[in-house]
């Protein structure tokens, strides 16, 4: 079952995706491409001295979220469940240091 983010992403995916030829590959390439665009913004800020507005990151990370939602749906993964699984994996992997980091974020 998809979550709300996935449902909204799938609405536009269905409109733009013309055929079923390797949808997973299309979505994964999109995810990596958009993540690279976010990284490129950071590169421009750090190495080229460009002032990068938060809105630019917002746009690129929104695209990353879109493709992540599509990828998860195509692999029958719910984003909420994915988030919970990842949280527990990291907590198990990093133990007390994860708790310290988590507490600092609150």
Protein backbone atom coordinates (compact mmCIF):
# COMPACT_ATOMS: atom_id res chain seq x y z
CA UNK A 1 0.00 0.00 0.00
CA UNK A 2 1.31 3.42 -0.95
CA UNK A 3 1.41 6.43 1.31
CA UNK A 4 0.04 9.87 0.38
CA UNK A 5 3.32 11.09 -1.13
CA UNK A 6 3.49 8.02 -3.32
CA UNK A 7 -0.13 8.34 -4.41
CA UNK A 8 0.41 11.94 -5.51
CA UNK A 9 3.62 11.10 -7.34
CA UNK A 10 1.99 8.18 -9.13
CA UNK A 11 -0.75 10.47 -10.48
CA UNK A 12 1.77 12.49 -12.48
CA UNK A 13 3.92 9.47 -13.28
CA UNK A 14 0.98 7.81 -14.99
CA UNK A 15 0.38 10.97 -17.04
CA UNK A 16 3.99 11.35 -18.17
CA UNK A 17 5.05 7.73 -18.53
CA UNK A 18 4.09 6.65 -22.03
CA UNK A 19 4.86 2.94 -21.92
CA UNK A 20 5.80 0.28 -19.41
CA UNK A 21 9.26 -0.37 -20.86
CA UNK A 22 11.53 -0.63 -17.86
CA UNK A 23 9.76 1.86 -15.60
CA UNK A 24 12.02 0.89 -12.73
CA UNK A 25 15.13 1.85 -14.68
CA UNK A 26 13.53 5.15 -15.73
CA UNK A 27 12.64 5.94 -12.12
CA UNK A 28 16.06 4.96 -10.75
CA UNK A 29 17.86 7.06 -13.36
CA UNK A 30 15.58 9.97 -12.46
CA UNK A 31 16.36 9.54 -8.75
CA UNK A 32 20.11 9.51 -9.29
CA UNK A 33 19.95 12.40 -11.75
CA UNK A 34 18.00 14.62 -9.39
CA UNK A 35 20.27 13.72 -6.46
CA UNK A 36 23.23 14.70 -8.64
CA UNK A 37 21.58 18.05 -9.37
CA UNK A 38 21.25 18.68 -5.62
CA UNK A 39 24.92 17.79 -5.17
CA UNK A 40 25.85 20.08 -8.03
CA UNK A 41 24.19 22.99 -6.22
CA UNK A 42 26.30 22.23 -3.16
CA UNK A 43 29.44 22.03 -5.32
CA UNK A 44 28.68 25.43 -6.81
CA UNK A 45 28.31 26.90 -3.33
CA UNK A 46 31.41 25.34 -1.82
CA UNK A 47 33.88 25.31 -4.71
CA UNK A 48 32.66 28.11 -6.94
CA UNK A 49 31.53 30.50 -4.25
CA UNK A 50 28.01 30.81 -5.65
CA UNK A 51 25.29 31.78 -3.22
CA UNK A 52 22.74 28.98 -3.43
CA UNK A 53 19.28 29.82 -2.13
CA UNK A 54 17.37 27.34 -0.01
CA UNK A 55 14.64 27.41 -2.65
CA UNK A 56 17.06 25.85 -5.15
CA UNK A 57 17.68 22.93 -2.78
CA UNK A 58 13.96 22.74 -2.12
CA UNK A 59 13.27 22.31 -5.82
CA UNK A 60 15.93 19.64 -6.37
CA UNK A 61 15.15 17.72 -3.19
CA UNK A 62 11.48 17.81 -4.14
CA UNK A 63 12.44 16.11 -7.39
CA UNK A 64 14.47 13.54 -5.41
CA UNK A 65 11.43 12.88 -3.22
CA UNK A 66 9.24 12.48 -6.31
CA UNK A 67 11.51 9.87 -7.86
CA UNK A 68 12.05 8.13 -4.52
CA UNK A 69 8.28 7.82 -4.14
CA UNK A 70 7.99 6.42 -7.66
CA UNK A 71 10.86 3.96 -7.12
CA UNK A 72 9.40 2.77 -3.84
CA UNK A 73 6.00 2.25 -5.46
CA UNK A 74 7.44 0.33 -8.39
CA UNK A 75 9.25 -1.97 -5.95
CA UNK A 76 6.09 -2.32 -3.79
CA UNK A 77 7.65 -0.48 -0.84
CA UNK A 78 5.70 1.92 1.38
CA UNK A 79 7.66 5.09 2.20
CA UNK A 80 6.48 5.16 5.82
CA UNK A 81 7.58 1.56 6.31
CA UNK A 82 10.86 2.34 4.54
CA UNK A 83 11.46 5.27 6.88
CA UNK A 84 10.76 3.16 9.98
CA UNK A 85 12.97 0.31 8.77
CA UNK A 86 15.81 2.71 8.02
CA UNK A 87 15.47 4.39 11.41
CA UNK A 88 15.73 1.05 13.22
CA UNK A 89 18.62 -0.08 11.02
CA UNK A 90 20.59 3.07 11.82
CA UNK A 91 19.76 2.90 15.51
CA UNK A 92 20.98 -0.70 15.62
CA UNK A 93 24.10 0.09 13.59
CA UNK A 94 25.15 3.19 15.53
CA UNK A 95 23.80 2.39 18.99
CA UNK A 96 24.42 5.11 21.57
CA UNK A 97 25.99 7.48 19.05
CA UNK A 98 22.74 7.40 17.07
CA UNK A 99 20.76 8.24 20.19
CA UNK A 100 23.09 11.16 20.89
CA UNK A 101 22.67 12.44 17.34
CA UNK A 102 18.91 11.93 17.58
CA UNK A 103 18.74 13.85 20.86
CA UNK A 104 20.77 16.71 19.39
CA UNK A 105 18.31 17.04 16.52
CA UNK A 106 15.33 17.61 18.85
